[in-house]
Amino acid sequence: MIKKMTAIRIAADRKKEQMHDTPLFPCSVYISDWKKGGIESIPWHWHNEIEMMYIYSGSAIVEYAGEKSILEEGDGFFCNSRVLHKYQINSIRCRVCYLVFDEALISGGIGTIFYQKYLHPIISNSAFPGKFLFRSNKQDREIIEKIKAAFTAAKNEPQGFELDIHYNLGKALIILGDEQNLSADSCITPTMERIKEMVDYIHGHYSEPISTCELAEYAGISEREAQRCFSRVFRLTPRQYIQNYRLQVATEMLLETSQSILEIGIACGFSNPSHFSKAFRLYQGCSPHVFRKRNNERN
């Protein structure tokens, strides 16, 4: 049941439906093995599903809804439905385990007591976009243990493992709900909603020329407001974000495909090969050719 996750290329799908192995059990389980000089992050993205993760080894920088923290081995993270988030390696090597699941996996549907009593108060609360989970905190540690138990069940697939996953994720959510003293200040601002629209557009059109004007029109705002949104959330200009995303995708393609460097550059929106090579060198510290060769030798 475990899938390997390297980087994410998300289409501009407004429904944001996660593709699970079966609709009868809407839960996907992933593992990322990152190393410095290879694929080092999962870019900003969001989905309708709830996400829970923990750091198996190493450390990672996690960002969501204006919050940022370094998570060390044994720490975890809860990300609520429809919340923009990002992961970045913070050590030489890092292994991360994730469970991404529809609320219906736990609730059984909106007409149940499980949804009304336990799920709805969490997923409908815009003041609770997520939570860093630190192993040094007793209550957080209890949640992390439930996430680990669910991941282990998915990995080993013993008889009835689906029930184990259902139970442990459900208990983790109950503990989260019980311990939260939710703030009245919502982190899901108009800025975050506009950013999600523009990020979706970039993820769906990164191979094409994209202007700030196009992004602004897609989000229904002015160019100046689009610039402000990117500055507030990412501390980047739209142009910088677009180039970084293209280079993230190029990094993945160099490692995961046999396409030529020229083909990859064009596929990632770099019509000029020398521009691609120069931008990649600034991003990874070496040329695309050296990067591919170095990582192939390691593998």
C-alpha atoms as a PDB file:
ATOM      1  CA  MET A   1       0.000   0.000   0.000  1.00  0.00           C
ATOM      2  CA  ILE A   2       3.014   2.280   0.459  1.00  0.00           C
ATOM      3  CA  LYS A   3       3.839   4.566  -2.473  1.00  0.00           C
ATOM      4  CA  LYS A   4       7.097   6.357  -3.134  1.00  0.00           C
ATOM      5  CA  MET A   5       6.789  10.138  -3.234  1.00  0.00           C
ATOM      6  CA  THR A   6       9.514  12.334  -4.655  1.00  0.00           C
ATOM      7  CA  ALA A   7       8.069  15.654  -5.799  1.00  0.00           C
ATOM      8  CA  ILE A   8       4.552  16.706  -6.693  1.00  0.00           C
ATOM      9  CA  ARG A   9       3.242  17.982  -9.996  1.00  0.00           C
ATOM     10  CA  ILE A  10      -0.366  18.950  -9.402  1.00  0.00           C
ATOM     11  CA  ALA A  11      -2.678  19.882 -12.233  1.00  0.00           C
ATOM     12  CA  ALA A  12      -5.051  22.801 -11.881  1.00  0.00           C
ATOM     13  CA  ASP A  13      -7.867  20.545 -10.751  1.00  0.00           C
ATOM     14  CA  ARG A  14     -10.413  22.621  -8.879  1.00  0.00           C
ATOM     15  CA  LYS A  15     -11.949  19.522  -7.296  1.00  0.00           C
ATOM     16  CA  LYS A  16      -8.561  18.490  -5.888  1.00  0.00           C
ATOM     17  CA  GLU A  17      -9.515  14.846  -5.663  1.00  0.00           C
ATOM     18  CA  GLN A  18      -6.729  12.576  -4.455  1.00  0.00           C
ATOM     19  CA  MET A  19      -6.356   9.401  -6.527  1.00  0.00           C
ATOM     20  CA  HIS A  20      -6.581   6.546  -4.030  1.00  0.00           C
ATOM     21  CA  ASP A  21      -6.083   2.873  -4.903  1.00  0.00           C
ATOM     22  CA  THR A  22      -9.768   2.221  -4.290  1.00  0.00           C
ATOM     23  CA  PRO A  23     -12.734   4.520  -3.558  1.00  0.00           C
ATOM     24  CA  LEU A  24     -13.840   1.929  -0.987  1.00  0.00           C
ATOM     25  CA  PHE A  25     -10.843   2.880   1.180  1.00  0.00           C
ATOM     26  CA  PRO A  26      -9.983   6.544   0.453  1.00  0.00           C
ATOM     27  CA  CYS A  27      -6.532   6.631   2.012  1.00  0.00           C
ATOM     28  CA  SER A  28      -3.111   6.893   0.350  1.00  0.00           C
ATOM     29  CA  VAL A  29       0.139   6.215   2.190  1.00  0.00           C
ATOM     30  CA  TYR A  30       3.465   7.622   1.008  1.00  0.00           C
ATOM     31  CA  ILE A  31       7.115   7.690   1.940  1.00  0.00           C
ATOM     32  CA  SER A  32       9.753  10.195   0.806  1.00  0.00           C
ATOM     33  CA  ASP A  33      13.482   9.481   0.904  1.00  0.00           C
ATOM     34  CA  TRP A  34      15.326  12.737   0.325  1.00  0.00           C
ATOM     35  CA  LYS A  35      19.018  13.527   0.227  1.00  0.00           C
ATOM     36  CA  LYS A  36      20.936  16.752  -0.246  1.00  0.00           C
ATOM     37  CA  GLY A  37      21.877  17.227  -3.873  1.00  0.00           C
ATOM     38  CA  GLY A  38      18.869  15.248  -5.087  1.00  0.00           C
ATOM     39  CA  ILE A  39      15.142  15.894  -4.709  1.00  0.00           C
ATOM     40  CA  GLU A  40      14.884  17.992  -1.573  1.00  0.00           C
ATOM     41  CA  SER A  41      11.272  19.133  -1.235  1.00  0.00           C
ATOM     42  CA  ILE A  42       7.595  18.811  -1.985  1.00  0.00           C
ATOM     43  CA  PRO A  43       6.461  22.204  -3.295  1.00  0.00           C
ATOM     44  CA  TRP A  44       3.495  24.233  -2.095  1.00  0.00           C
ATOM     45  CA  HIS A  45       0.276  22.309  -2.721  1.00  0.00           C
ATOM     46  CA  TRP A  46      -3.158  21.631  -1.230  1.00  0.00           C
ATOM     47  CA  HIS A  47      -5.881  19.018  -1.460  1.00  0.00           C
ATOM     48  CA  ASN A  48      -9.315  18.284  -0.046  1.00  0.00           C
ATOM     49  CA  GLU A  49      -8.011  15.396   2.039  1.00  0.00           C
ATOM     50  CA  ILE A  50      -6.640  15.530   5.569  1.00  0.00           C
ATOM     51  CA  GLU A  51      -2.918  14.769   5.861  1.00  0.00           C
ATOM     52  CA  MET A  52      -0.883  13.383   8.751  1.00  0.00           C
ATOM     53  CA  MET A  53       2.842  12.754   8.649  1.00  0.00           C
ATOM     54  CA  TYR A  54       5.866  12.069  10.823  1.00  0.00           C
ATOM     55  CA  ILE A  55       9.628  12.330  10.383  1.00  0.00           C
ATOM     56  CA  TYR A  56      11.080   8.804  10.353  1.00  0.00           C
ATOM     57  CA  SER A  57      14.676  10.049  10.213  1.00  0.00           C
ATOM     58  CA  GLY A  58      16.530  13.313   9.633  1.00  0.00           C
ATOM     59  CA  SER A  59      14.750  16.655   9.788  1.00  0.00           C
ATOM     60  CA  ALA A  60      12.526  18.774   7.547  1.00  0.00           C
ATOM     61  CA  ILE A  61      11.208  22.317   7.332  1.00  0.00           C
ATOM     62  CA  VAL A  62       7.413  22.356   7.199  1.00  0.00           C
ATOM     63  CA  GLU A  63       5.337  25.400   6.234  1.00  0.00           C
ATOM     64  CA  TYR A  64       1.588  25.939   6.187  1.00  0.00           C
ATOM     65  CA  ALA A  65      -0.844  28.865   6.411  1.00  0.00           C
ATOM     66  CA  GLY A  66       1.791  31.368   7.515  1.00  0.00           C
ATOM     67  CA  GLU A  67       3.448  28.984   9.996  1.00  0.00           C
ATOM     68  CA  LYS A  68       6.929  27.468   9.699  1.00  0.00           C
ATOM     69  CA  SER A  69       8.920  25.042  11.837  1.00  0.00           C
ATOM     70  CA  ILE A  70      11.773  22.557  11.720  1.00  0.00           C
ATOM     71  CA  LEU A  71      10.584  19.044  12.563  1.00  0.00           C
ATOM     72  CA  GLU A  72      13.152  16.550  13.817  1.00  0.00           C
ATOM     73  CA  GLU A  73      13.126  12.751  13.839  1.00  0.00           C
ATOM     74  CA  GLY A  74      10.026  11.566  15.705  1.00  0.00           C
ATOM     75  CA  ASP A  75       8.080  14.825  15.237  1.00  0.00           C
ATOM     76  CA  GLY A  76       4.924  15.025  13.113  1.00  0.00           C
ATOM     77  CA  PHE A  77       2.411  17.310  11.432  1.00  0.00           C
ATOM     78  CA  PHE A  78      -1.350  17.480  10.974  1.00  0.00           C
ATOM     79  CA  CYS A  79      -2.621  19.362   7.909  1.00  0.00           C
ATOM     80  CA  ASN A  80      -6.318  20.111   7.674  1.00  0.00           C
ATOM     81  CA  SER A  81      -8.406  19.879   4.516  1.00  0.00           C
ATOM     82  CA  ARG A  82      -7.733  22.474   1.761  1.00  0.00           C
ATOM     83  CA  VAL A  83      -4.680  23.995   3.457  1.00  0.00           C
ATOM     84  CA  LEU A  84      -1.626  25.095   1.456  1.00  0.00           C
ATOM     85  CA  HIS A  85       1.560  23.404   2.747  1.00  0.00           C
ATOM     86  CA  LYS A  86       5.150  22.584   1.816  1.00  0.00           C
ATOM     87  CA  TYR A  87       7.996  20.267   2.918  1.00  0.00           C
ATOM     88  CA  GLN A  88      11.764  20.903   2.573  1.00  0.00           C
ATOM     89  CA  ILE A  89      14.703  18.731   3.645  1.00  0.00           C
ATOM     90  CA  ASN A  90      16.778  20.137   6.538  1.00  0.00           C
ATOM     91  CA  SER A  91      19.450  17.441   6.917  1.00  0.00           C
ATOM     92  CA  ILE A  92      21.789  15.379   4.736  1.00  0.00           C
ATOM     93  CA  ARG A  93      19.120  12.709   4.443  1.00  0.00           C
ATOM     94  CA  CYS A  94      15.481  12.689   5.474  1.00  0.00           C
ATOM     95  CA  ARG A  95      12.722  10.073   5.401  1.00  0.00           C
ATOM     96  CA  VAL A  96       9.113  11.251   5.788  1.00  0.00           C
ATOM     97  CA  CYS A  97       5.982   9.091   6.136  1.00  0.00           C
ATOM     98  CA  TYR A  98       2.543  10.463   5.173  1.00  0.00           C
ATOM     99  CA  LEU A  99      -1.085   9.386   5.280  1.00  0.00           C
ATOM    100  CA  VAL A 100      -3.489  11.359   3.066  1.00  0.00           C
ATOM    101  CA  PHE A 101      -7.150  10.467   3.540  1.00  0.00           C
ATOM    102  CA  ASP A 102     -10.701  11.613   2.918  1.00  0.00           C
ATOM    103  CA  GLU A 103     -12.700  12.508   6.021  1.00  0.00           C
ATOM    104  CA  ALA A 104     -15.248   9.880   4.939  1.00  0.00           C
ATOM    105  CA  LEU A 105     -12.679   7.200   5.810  1.00  0.00           C
ATOM    106  CA  ILE A 106     -13.202   8.106   9.463  1.00  0.00           C
ATOM    107  CA  SER A 107     -16.732   9.521   9.528  1.00  0.00           C
ATOM    108  CA  GLY A 108     -18.546   7.215   7.126  1.00  0.00           C
ATOM    109  CA  GLY A 109     -20.352  10.260   5.700  1.00  0.00           C
ATOM    110  CA  ILE A 110     -21.920  13.522   6.835  1.00  0.00           C
ATOM    111  CA  GLY A 111     -25.057  11.822   8.146  1.00  0.00           C
ATOM    112  CA  THR A 112     -23.249  10.028  10.980  1.00  0.00           C
ATOM    113  CA  ILE A 113     -22.509  10.935  14.585  1.00  0.00           C
ATOM    114  CA  PHE A 114     -18.810  10.415  13.843  1.00  0.00           C
ATOM    115  CA  TYR A 115     -18.906  13.258  11.310  1.00  0.00           C
ATOM    116  CA  GLN A 116     -21.111  15.608  13.338  1.00  0.00           C
ATOM    117  CA  LYS A 117     -19.372  15.052  16.683  1.00  0.00           C
ATOM    118  CA  TYR A 118     -15.734  14.508  15.756  1.00  0.00           C
ATOM    119  CA  LEU A 119     -14.868  15.427  12.141  1.00  0.00           C
ATOM    120  CA  HIS A 120     -17.002  18.476  11.363  1.00  0.00           C
ATOM    121  CA  PRO A 121     -15.649  20.601  14.261  1.00  0.00           C
ATOM    122  CA  ILE A 122     -12.130  20.069  12.921  1.00  0.00           C
ATOM    123  CA  ILE A 123     -12.402  20.245   9.123  1.00  0.00           C
ATOM    124  CA  SER A 124     -14.900  23.116   9.116  1.00  0.00           C
ATOM    125  CA  ASN A 125     -12.822  25.307  11.450  1.00  0.00           C
ATOM    126  CA  SER A 126     -10.763  27.772   9.405  1.00  0.00           C
ATOM    127  CA  ALA A 127      -8.914  28.789  12.592  1.00  0.00           C
ATOM    128  CA  PHE A 128      -7.355  25.314  12.732  1.00  0.00           C
ATOM    129  CA  PRO A 129      -5.428  24.849   9.466  1.00  0.00           C
ATOM    130  CA  GLY A 130      -2.873  22.497  10.970  1.00  0.00           C
ATOM    131  CA  LYS A 131      -0.596  21.691  13.874  1.00  0.00           C
ATOM    132  CA  PHE A 132       3.063  20.864  14.337  1.00  0.00           C
ATOM    133  CA  LEU A 133       3.447  17.798  16.534  1.00  0.00           C
ATOM    134  CA  PHE A 134       6.527  17.608  18.733  1.00  0.00           C
ATOM    135  CA  ARG A 135       7.635  14.375  20.385  1.00  0.00           C
ATOM    136  CA  SER A 136       8.717  16.390  23.463  1.00  0.00           C
ATOM    137  CA  ASN A 137       5.040  17.220  24.137  1.00  0.00           C
ATOM    138  CA  LYS A 138       3.107  14.393  25.822  1.00  0.00           C
ATOM    139  CA  GLN A 139      -0.199  14.918  23.989  1.00  0.00           C
ATOM    140  CA  ASP A 140       1.552  15.442  20.645  1.00  0.00           C
ATOM    141  CA  ARG A 141       3.536  12.250  21.242  1.00  0.00           C
ATOM    142  CA  GLU A 142       0.296  10.325  21.693  1.00  0.00           C
ATOM    143  CA  ILE A 143      -0.969  11.612  18.323  1.00  0.00           C
ATOM    144  CA  ILE A 144       2.346  10.778  16.628  1.00  0.00           C
ATOM    145  CA  GLU A 145       2.172   7.216  17.978  1.00  0.00           C
ATOM    146  CA  LYS A 146      -1.274   6.812  16.393  1.00  0.00           C
ATOM    147  CA  ILE A 147       0.053   8.111  13.059  1.00  0.00           C
ATOM    148  CA  LYS A 148       2.987   5.680  13.272  1.00  0.00           C
ATOM    149  CA  ALA A 149       0.664   2.787  14.097  1.00  0.00           C
ATOM    150  CA  ALA A 150      -1.522   3.599  11.074  1.00  0.00           C
ATOM    151  CA  PHE A 151       1.554   3.801   8.831  1.00  0.00           C
ATOM    152  CA  THR A 152       2.904   0.481  10.148  1.00  0.00           C
ATOM    153  CA  ALA A 153      -0.452  -1.196   9.452  1.00  0.00           C
ATOM    154  CA  ALA A 154      -0.371   0.145   5.879  1.00  0.00           C
ATOM    155  CA  LYS A 155       3.207  -1.030   5.435  1.00  0.00           C
ATOM    156  CA  ASN A 156       2.778  -4.572   6.790  1.00  0.00           C
ATOM    157  CA  GLU A 157      -0.855  -5.123   5.706  1.00  0.00           C
ATOM    158  CA  PRO A 158      -1.806  -7.703   8.368  1.00  0.00           C
ATOM    159  CA  GLN A 159      -5.312  -9.172   8.330  1.00  0.00           C
ATOM    160  CA  GLY A 160      -7.698  -6.294   9.062  1.00  0.00           C
ATOM    161  CA  PHE A 161      -5.067  -3.596   8.490  1.00  0.00           C
ATOM    162  CA  GLU A 162      -7.756  -1.255   7.128  1.00  0.00           C
ATOM    163  CA  LEU A 163      -9.452  -1.345  10.534  1.00  0.00           C
ATOM    164  CA  ASP A 164      -6.139  -0.565  12.234  1.00  0.00           C
ATOM    165  CA  ILE A 165      -5.632   2.469   9.980  1.00  0.00           C
ATOM    166  CA  HIS A 166      -9.236   3.611  10.533  1.00  0.00           C
ATOM    167  CA  TYR A 167      -8.923   3.261  14.319  1.00  0.00           C
ATOM    168  CA  ASN A 168      -5.546   4.971  14.723  1.00  0.00           C
ATOM    169  CA  LEU A 169      -6.280   7.917  12.428  1.00  0.00           C
ATOM    170  CA  GLY A 170      -9.661   8.365  14.101  1.00  0.00           C
ATOM    171  CA  LYS A 171      -8.072   8.387  17.566  1.00  0.00           C
ATOM    172  CA  ALA A 172      -5.422  10.873  16.399  1.00  0.00           C
ATOM    173  CA  LEU A 173      -8.167  13.228  15.195  1.00  0.00           C
ATOM    174  CA  ILE A 174     -10.128  12.872  18.438  1.00  0.00           C
ATOM    175  CA  ILE A 175      -7.051  13.750  20.507  1.00  0.00           C
ATOM    176  CA  LEU A 176      -6.368  16.723  18.235  1.00  0.00           C
ATOM    177  CA  GLY A 177      -9.935  17.947  18.607  1.00  0.00           C
ATOM    178  CA  ASP A 178      -9.957  17.495  22.384  1.00  0.00           C
ATOM    179  CA  GLU A 179      -6.707  19.342  23.010  1.00  0.00           C
ATOM    180  CA  GLN A 180      -7.337  22.346  20.757  1.00  0.00           C
ATOM    181  CA  ASN A 181      -8.157  25.708  22.240  1.00  0.00           C
ATOM    182  CA  LEU A 182      -8.969  27.157  18.826  1.00  0.00           C
ATOM    183  CA  SER A 183      -8.069  30.778  18.191  1.00  0.00           C
ATOM    184  CA  ALA A 184     -10.626  33.217  16.894  1.00  0.00           C
ATOM    185  CA  ASP A 185      -8.057  34.430  14.356  1.00  0.00           C
ATOM    186  CA  SER A 186      -8.521  32.514  11.135  1.00  0.00           C
ATOM    187  CA  CYS A 187      -5.431  31.657   9.094  1.00  0.00           C
ATOM    188  CA  ILE A 188      -7.487  30.985   5.967  1.00  0.00           C
ATOM    189  CA  THR A 189      -7.548  34.550   4.699  1.00  0.00           C
ATOM    190  CA  PRO A 190      -8.562  35.910   1.290  1.00  0.00           C
ATOM    191  CA  THR A 191      -4.830  36.086   0.551  1.00  0.00           C
ATOM    192  CA  MET A 192      -4.458  32.330   1.088  1.00  0.00           C
ATOM    193  CA  GLU A 193      -7.455  31.564  -1.112  1.00  0.00           C
ATOM    194  CA  ARG A 194      -6.089  33.777  -3.901  1.00  0.00           C
ATOM    195  CA  ILE A 195      -2.658  32.180  -3.611  1.00  0.00           C
ATOM    196  CA  LYS A 196      -4.197  28.717  -3.944  1.00  0.00           C
ATOM    197  CA  GLU A 197      -5.899  29.820  -7.166  1.00  0.00           C
ATOM    198  CA  MET A 198      -2.669  31.214  -8.609  1.00  0.00           C
ATOM    199  CA  VAL A 199      -0.543  28.249  -7.491  1.00  0.00           C
ATOM    200  CA  ASP A 200      -3.042  25.914  -9.175  1.00  0.00           C
ATOM    201  CA  TYR A 201      -2.684  27.878 -12.388  1.00  0.00           C
ATOM    202  CA  ILE A 202       1.119  27.684 -12.258  1.00  0.00           C
ATOM    203  CA  HIS A 203       1.080  23.943 -11.539  1.00  0.00           C
ATOM    204  CA  GLY A 204      -1.187  23.403 -14.515  1.00  0.00           C
ATOM    205  CA  HIS A 205       0.644  25.667 -16.982  1.00  0.00           C
ATOM    206  CA  TYR A 206       4.308  25.678 -15.916  1.00  0.00           C
ATOM    207  CA  SER A 207       5.409  24.482 -19.375  1.00  0.00           C
ATOM    208  CA  GLU A 208       3.859  27.586 -20.957  1.00  0.00           C
ATOM    209  CA  PRO A 209       4.746  31.295 -20.712  1.00  0.00           C
ATOM    210  CA  ILE A 210       2.997  32.717 -17.624  1.00  0.00           C
ATOM    211  CA  SER A 211       2.689  36.408 -16.787  1.00  0.00           C
ATOM    212  CA  THR A 212       1.677  38.065 -13.530  1.00  0.00           C
ATOM    213  CA  CYS A 213      -1.220  39.561 -15.483  1.00  0.00           C
ATOM    214  CA  GLU A 214      -2.526  36.066 -16.336  1.00  0.00           C
ATOM    215  CA  LEU A 215      -2.251  34.960 -12.698  1.00  0.00           C
ATOM    216  CA  ALA A 216      -4.067  38.061 -11.501  1.00  0.00           C
ATOM    217  CA  GLU A 217      -6.869  37.595 -14.015  1.00  0.00           C
ATOM    218  CA  TYR A 218      -7.260  33.936 -13.003  1.00  0.00           C
ATOM    219  CA  ALA A 219      -7.587  34.907  -9.331  1.00  0.00           C
ATOM    220  CA  GLY A 220      -9.799  37.912 -10.091  1.00  0.00           C
ATOM    221  CA  ILE A 221      -7.433  40.477  -8.601  1.00  0.00           C
ATOM    222  CA  SER A 222      -5.082  43.229  -9.795  1.00  0.00           C
ATOM    223  CA  GLU A 223      -1.454  42.593 -10.760  1.00  0.00           C
ATOM    224  CA  ARG A 224      -0.330  44.625  -7.768  1.00  0.00           C
ATOM    225  CA  GLU A 225      -2.427  42.499  -5.413  1.00  0.00           C
ATOM    226  CA  ALA A 226      -1.033  39.326  -7.009  1.00  0.00           C
ATOM    227  CA  GLN A 227       2.489  40.621  -6.320  1.00  0.00           C
ATOM    228  CA  ARG A 228       1.519  41.390  -2.714  1.00  0.00           C
ATOM    229  CA  CYS A 229       0.013  37.906  -2.199  1.00  0.00           C
ATOM    230  CA  PHE A 230       3.201  36.151  -3.317  1.00  0.00           C
ATOM    231  CA  SER A 231       5.335  38.476  -1.221  1.00  0.00           C
ATOM    232  CA  ARG A 232       3.237  37.887   1.927  1.00  0.00           C
ATOM    233  CA  VAL A 233       3.004  34.109   1.669  1.00  0.00           C
ATOM    234  CA  PHE A 234       6.208  33.028  -0.098  1.00  0.00           C
ATOM    235  CA  ARG A 235       8.441  36.114   0.185  1.00  0.00           C
ATOM    236  CA  LEU A 236       8.956  35.722  -3.570  1.00  0.00           C
ATOM    237  CA  THR A 237       7.726  37.504  -6.681  1.00  0.00           C
ATOM    238  CA  PRO A 238       5.365  35.527  -8.958  1.00  0.00           C
ATOM    239  CA  ARG A 239       8.189  35.238 -11.487  1.00  0.00           C
ATOM    240  CA  GLN A 240      10.553  33.783  -8.874  1.00  0.00           C
ATOM    241  CA  TYR A 241       7.923  31.281  -7.705  1.00  0.00           C
ATOM    242  CA  ILE A 242       7.246  30.162 -11.304  1.00  0.00           C
ATOM    243  CA  GLN A 243      10.938  29.632 -12.014  1.00  0.00           C
ATOM    244  CA  ASN A 244      11.488  27.752  -8.742  1.00  0.00           C
ATOM    245  CA  TYR A 245       8.573  25.441  -9.494  1.00  0.00           C
ATOM    246  CA  ARG A 246       9.817  24.784 -13.028  1.00  0.00           C
ATOM    247  CA  LEU A 247      13.245  23.906 -11.624  1.00  0.00           C
ATOM    248  CA  GLN A 248      11.691  21.596  -9.024  1.00  0.00           C
ATOM    249  CA  VAL A 249       9.888  19.725 -11.795  1.00  0.00           C
ATOM    250  CA  ALA A 250      13.059  19.655 -13.907  1.00  0.00           C
ATOM    251  CA  THR A 251      14.963  18.164 -10.962  1.00  0.00           C
ATOM    252  CA  GLU A 252      12.422  15.362 -10.693  1.00  0.00           C
ATOM    253  CA  MET A 253      12.420  14.718 -14.436  1.00  0.00           C
ATOM    254  CA  LEU A 254      16.229  14.490 -14.559  1.00  0.00           C
ATOM    255  CA  LEU A 255      16.107  11.732 -11.945  1.00  0.00           C
ATOM    256  CA  GLU A 256      12.903   9.929 -12.901  1.00  0.00           C
ATOM    257  CA  THR A 257      12.907  10.022 -16.728  1.00  0.00           C
ATOM    258  CA  SER A 258      15.307   9.270 -19.590  1.00  0.00           C
ATOM    259  CA  GLN A 259      14.368  12.428 -21.516  1.00  0.00           C
ATOM    260  CA  SER A 260      17.215  14.570 -22.786  1.00  0.00           C
ATOM    261  CA  ILE A 261      18.206  17.735 -20.963  1.00  0.00           C
ATOM    262  CA  LEU A 262      16.969  19.786 -23.896  1.00  0.00           C
ATOM    263  CA  GLU A 263      13.561  18.030 -23.815  1.00  0.00           C
ATOM    264  CA  ILE A 264      13.276  18.526 -20.062  1.00  0.00           C
ATOM    265  CA  GLY A 265      14.106  22.214 -20.319  1.00  0.00           C
ATOM    266  CA  ILE A 266      11.433  22.755 -22.968  1.00  0.00           C
ATOM    267  CA  ALA A 267       8.887  20.671 -21.032  1.00  0.00           C
ATOM    268  CA  CYS A 268       9.495  22.866 -17.984  1.00  0.00           C
ATOM    269  CA  GLY A 269       8.987  26.151 -19.811  1.00  0.00           C
ATOM    270  CA  PHE A 270      12.603  27.023 -20.690  1.00  0.00           C
ATOM    271  CA  SER A 271      12.632  27.686 -24.433  1.00  0.00           C
ATOM    272  CA  ASN A 272      16.291  28.738 -24.296  1.00  0.00           C
ATOM    273  CA  PRO A 273      18.686  25.852 -23.358  1.00  0.00           C
ATOM    274  CA  SER A 274      21.368  28.207 -22.040  1.00  0.00           C
ATOM    275  CA  HIS A 275      18.794  29.964 -19.810  1.00  0.00           C
ATOM    276  CA  PHE A 276      17.713  26.568 -18.434  1.00  0.00           C
ATOM    277  CA  SER A 277      21.303  25.519 -17.746  1.00  0.00           C
ATOM    278  CA  LYS A 278      22.153  28.833 -16.049  1.00  0.00           C
ATOM    279  CA  ALA A 279      18.975  28.830 -13.907  1.00  0.00           C
ATOM    280  CA  PHE A 280      19.491  25.187 -12.922  1.00  0.00           C
ATOM    281  CA  ARG A 281      23.103  25.849 -11.971  1.00  0.00           C
ATOM    282  CA  LEU A 282      21.986  28.641  -9.624  1.00  0.00           C
ATOM    283  CA  TYR A 283      19.247  26.381  -8.191  1.00  0.00           C
ATOM    284  CA  GLN A 284      21.258  23.168  -7.651  1.00  0.00           C
ATOM    285  CA  GLY A 285      24.848  24.386  -7.753  1.00  0.00           C
ATOM    286  CA  CYS A 286      25.735  22.376 -10.854  1.00  0.00           C
ATOM    287  CA  SER A 287      24.633  21.880 -14.455  1.00  0.00           C
ATOM    288  CA  PRO A 288      21.693  19.558 -15.319  1.00  0.00           C
ATOM    289  CA  HIS A 289      24.178  17.099 -16.879  1.00  0.00           C
ATOM    290  CA  VAL A 290      26.386  16.953 -13.772  1.00  0.00           C
ATOM    291  CA  PHE A 291      23.326  16.701 -11.499  1.00  0.00           C
ATOM    292  CA  ARG A 292      21.932  13.707 -13.406  1.00  0.00           C
ATOM    293  CA  LYS A 293      25.306  11.954 -13.616  1.00  0.00           C
ATOM    294  CA  ARG A 294      26.088  12.512  -9.927  1.00  0.00           C
ATOM    295  CA  ASN A 295      22.745  11.148  -8.745  1.00  0.00           C
ATOM    296  CA  ASN A 296      22.852   8.165 -11.122  1.00  0.00           C
ATOM    297  CA  GLU A 297      26.257   7.245  -9.698  1.00  0.00           C
ATOM    298  CA  ARG A 298      24.862   7.392  -6.151  1.00  0.00           C
ATOM    299  CA  ASN A 299      22.039   5.066  -7.126  1.00  0.00           C
END
